[in-house]
Amino acid sequence: MVRINGADVSAEGISLAAYLDKEGFLQTRIAVERNGEIVPKTKYEEIILAEGDKIEIVSFVGGG
């Protein structure tokens, strides 16, 4: 299992980019942390989610 935003998810073996696309995240409006480190957007395709990963996804919201 991969822990994503506090929930256990069966997402091992897929790329971070594929997971984000599947879940409908707009990659230009989010920041992702993996195991305590910020993931550069250029690495989303390269990162393969693995058992025990802890992922935090934060969406940016505009407003005033």
N, C-alpha and C. Protein backbone atom coordinates (compact mmCIF):
# COMPACT_ATOMS: atom_id res chain seq x y z
N MET A 1 0.82 -1.18 0.00
CA MET A 1 0.00 0.00 0.00
C MET A 1 0.87 1.26 0.00
N VAL A 2 0.34 2.29 -0.59
CA VAL A 2 0.96 3.61 -0.60
C VAL A 2 0.04 4.52 0.20
N ARG A 3 0.60 5.30 1.10
CA ARG A 3 -0.22 6.23 1.89
C ARG A 3 -0.23 7.56 1.15
N ILE A 4 -1.43 7.95 0.69
CA ILE A 4 -1.58 9.20 -0.06
C ILE A 4 -2.56 10.09 0.68
N ASN A 5 -2.07 11.26 1.09
CA ASN A 5 -2.86 12.21 1.87
C ASN A 5 -3.55 11.52 3.04
N GLY A 6 -2.84 10.62 3.71
CA GLY A 6 -3.34 9.98 4.92
C GLY A 6 -4.16 8.72 4.72
N ALA A 7 -4.41 8.34 3.47
CA ALA A 7 -5.21 7.14 3.19
C ALA A 7 -4.35 6.09 2.50
N ASP A 8 -4.56 4.82 2.86
CA ASP A 8 -3.84 3.74 2.20
C ASP A 8 -4.49 3.45 0.85
N VAL A 9 -3.67 3.46 -0.21
CA VAL A 9 -4.14 3.30 -1.57
C VAL A 9 -3.30 2.22 -2.24
N SER A 10 -3.95 1.36 -3.02
CA SER A 10 -3.23 0.34 -3.79
C SER A 10 -2.78 0.98 -5.09
N ALA A 11 -1.57 1.54 -5.10
CA ALA A 11 -1.06 2.25 -6.27
C ALA A 11 0.38 1.87 -6.59
N GLU A 12 0.85 0.76 -6.02
CA GLU A 12 2.24 0.36 -6.24
C GLU A 12 2.45 0.02 -7.72
N GLY A 13 3.62 0.40 -8.22
CA GLY A 13 4.01 0.01 -9.57
C GLY A 13 3.56 0.95 -10.67
N ILE A 14 2.82 2.01 -10.34
CA ILE A 14 2.45 2.97 -11.38
C ILE A 14 3.22 4.27 -11.14
N SER A 15 3.36 5.05 -12.19
CA SER A 15 4.08 6.30 -12.04
C SER A 15 3.23 7.31 -11.28
N LEU A 16 3.90 8.24 -10.67
CA LEU A 16 3.20 9.32 -9.97
C LEU A 16 2.31 10.07 -10.95
N ALA A 17 2.82 10.33 -12.15
CA ALA A 17 2.04 11.05 -13.17
C ALA A 17 0.77 10.28 -13.51
N ALA A 18 0.86 8.96 -13.67
CA ALA A 18 -0.31 8.15 -14.01
C ALA A 18 -1.34 8.20 -12.89
N TYR A 19 -0.88 8.13 -11.65
CA TYR A 19 -1.81 8.21 -10.51
C TYR A 19 -2.51 9.56 -10.50
N LEU A 20 -1.75 10.63 -10.67
CA LEU A 20 -2.33 11.97 -10.64
C LEU A 20 -3.37 12.14 -11.75
N ASP A 21 -3.05 11.65 -12.95
CA ASP A 21 -3.99 11.72 -14.07
C ASP A 21 -5.25 10.93 -13.77
N LYS A 22 -5.07 9.71 -13.26
CA LYS A 22 -6.21 8.84 -12.96
C LYS A 22 -7.15 9.48 -11.94
N GLU A 23 -6.58 10.20 -10.99
CA GLU A 23 -7.39 10.81 -9.93
C GLU A 23 -7.87 12.22 -10.29
N GLY A 24 -7.50 12.70 -11.47
CA GLY A 24 -8.01 13.99 -11.95
C GLY A 24 -7.30 15.22 -11.42
N PHE A 25 -6.07 15.05 -10.93
CA PHE A 25 -5.31 16.20 -10.45
C PHE A 25 -4.75 16.97 -11.64
N LEU A 26 -4.86 18.29 -11.60
CA LEU A 26 -4.25 19.14 -12.61
C LEU A 26 -2.80 19.37 -12.18
N GLN A 27 -1.86 18.77 -12.89
CA GLN A 27 -0.47 18.77 -12.46
C GLN A 27 0.14 20.16 -12.37
N THR A 28 -0.42 21.12 -13.08
CA THR A 28 0.12 22.48 -13.01
C THR A 28 -0.34 23.22 -11.76
N ARG A 29 -1.31 22.67 -11.02
CA ARG A 29 -1.87 23.36 -9.86
C ARG A 29 -1.67 22.60 -8.55
N ILE A 30 -0.66 21.73 -8.53
CA ILE A 30 -0.40 20.95 -7.31
C ILE A 30 1.08 20.94 -6.97
N ALA A 31 1.37 20.56 -5.75
CA ALA A 31 2.73 20.25 -5.31
C ALA A 31 2.65 18.86 -4.67
N VAL A 32 3.71 18.07 -4.87
CA VAL A 32 3.73 16.70 -4.36
C VAL A 32 4.98 16.50 -3.51
N GLU A 33 4.77 15.87 -2.36
CA GLU A 33 5.87 15.49 -1.48
C GLU A 33 5.87 13.97 -1.39
N ARG A 34 7.04 13.37 -1.55
CA ARG A 34 7.18 11.91 -1.44
C ARG A 34 8.21 11.62 -0.36
N ASN A 35 7.77 10.91 0.66
CA ASN A 35 8.65 10.52 1.76
C ASN A 35 9.42 11.71 2.32
N GLY A 36 8.72 12.84 2.46
CA GLY A 36 9.31 14.01 3.08
C GLY A 36 10.07 14.93 2.17
N GLU A 37 10.13 14.63 0.86
CA GLU A 37 10.86 15.48 -0.07
C GLU A 37 9.95 15.94 -1.19
N ILE A 38 10.06 17.23 -1.55
CA ILE A 38 9.27 17.78 -2.65
C ILE A 38 9.72 17.12 -3.95
N VAL A 39 8.75 16.72 -4.77
CA VAL A 39 9.04 16.10 -6.06
C VAL A 39 8.92 17.16 -7.15
N PRO A 40 10.00 17.41 -7.91
CA PRO A 40 9.89 18.36 -9.03
C PRO A 40 8.91 17.81 -10.08
N LYS A 41 8.14 18.70 -10.69
CA LYS A 41 7.16 18.29 -11.69
C LYS A 41 7.82 17.49 -12.82
N THR A 42 9.07 17.81 -13.13
CA THR A 42 9.77 17.11 -14.21
C THR A 42 10.03 15.64 -13.88
N LYS A 43 9.87 15.25 -12.63
CA LYS A 43 10.13 13.87 -12.20
C LYS A 43 8.87 13.02 -12.06
N TYR A 44 7.68 13.61 -12.22
CA TYR A 44 6.43 12.87 -12.01
C TYR A 44 6.35 11.60 -12.85
N GLU A 45 6.83 11.64 -14.09
CA GLU A 45 6.79 10.45 -14.96
C GLU A 45 7.77 9.37 -14.49
N GLU A 46 8.89 9.80 -13.92
CA GLU A 46 9.96 8.87 -13.53
C GLU A 46 9.69 8.17 -12.20
N ILE A 47 8.96 8.81 -11.32
CA ILE A 47 8.71 8.26 -9.98
C ILE A 47 7.70 7.13 -10.08
N ILE A 48 8.11 5.94 -9.68
CA ILE A 48 7.21 4.78 -9.62
C ILE A 48 6.84 4.58 -8.15
N LEU A 49 5.54 4.60 -7.87
CA LEU A 49 5.09 4.45 -6.50
C LEU A 49 5.40 3.06 -5.98
N ALA A 50 5.89 2.99 -4.76
CA ALA A 50 6.33 1.72 -4.17
C ALA A 50 5.68 1.51 -2.81
N GLU A 51 5.60 0.25 -2.41
CA GLU A 51 5.08 -0.13 -1.09
C GLU A 51 5.73 0.72 -0.01
N GLY A 52 4.92 1.33 0.84
CA GLY A 52 5.43 2.11 1.95
C GLY A 52 5.68 3.58 1.67
N ASP A 53 5.55 4.00 0.40
CA ASP A 53 5.71 5.42 0.09
C ASP A 53 4.66 6.23 0.83
N LYS A 54 5.04 7.44 1.23
CA LYS A 54 4.10 8.39 1.83
C LYS A 54 4.06 9.61 0.92
N ILE A 55 2.91 9.83 0.33
CA ILE A 55 2.73 10.91 -0.64
C ILE A 55 1.75 11.93 -0.07
N GLU A 56 2.10 13.19 -0.19
CA GLU A 56 1.20 14.28 0.16
C GLU A 56 1.01 15.13 -1.10
N ILE A 57 -0.25 15.37 -1.46
CA ILE A 57 -0.57 16.17 -2.63
C ILE A 57 -1.32 17.41 -2.15
N VAL A 58 -0.80 18.58 -2.51
CA VAL A 58 -1.41 19.82 -2.10
C VAL A 58 -1.85 20.58 -3.35
N SER A 59 -3.13 20.95 -3.39
CA SER A 59 -3.66 21.73 -4.52
C SER A 59 -3.61 23.21 -4.20
N PHE A 60 -3.28 24.01 -5.20
CA PHE A 60 -3.27 25.46 -5.05
C PHE A 60 -4.64 26.00 -5.45
N VAL A 61 -5.16 26.90 -4.64
CA VAL A 61 -6.45 27.48 -4.90
C VAL A 61 -6.28 29.00 -4.95
N GLY A 62 -6.77 29.61 -6.02
CA GLY A 62 -6.71 31.05 -6.13
C GLY A 62 -7.84 31.71 -5.38
N GLY A 63 -7.67 32.95 -5.11
CA GLY A 63 -8.73 33.68 -4.42
C GLY A 63 -8.20 34.98 -3.86
N GLY A 64 -9.08 35.71 -3.25
CA GLY A 64 -8.62 36.98 -2.74
C GLY A 64 -9.24 37.35 -1.43
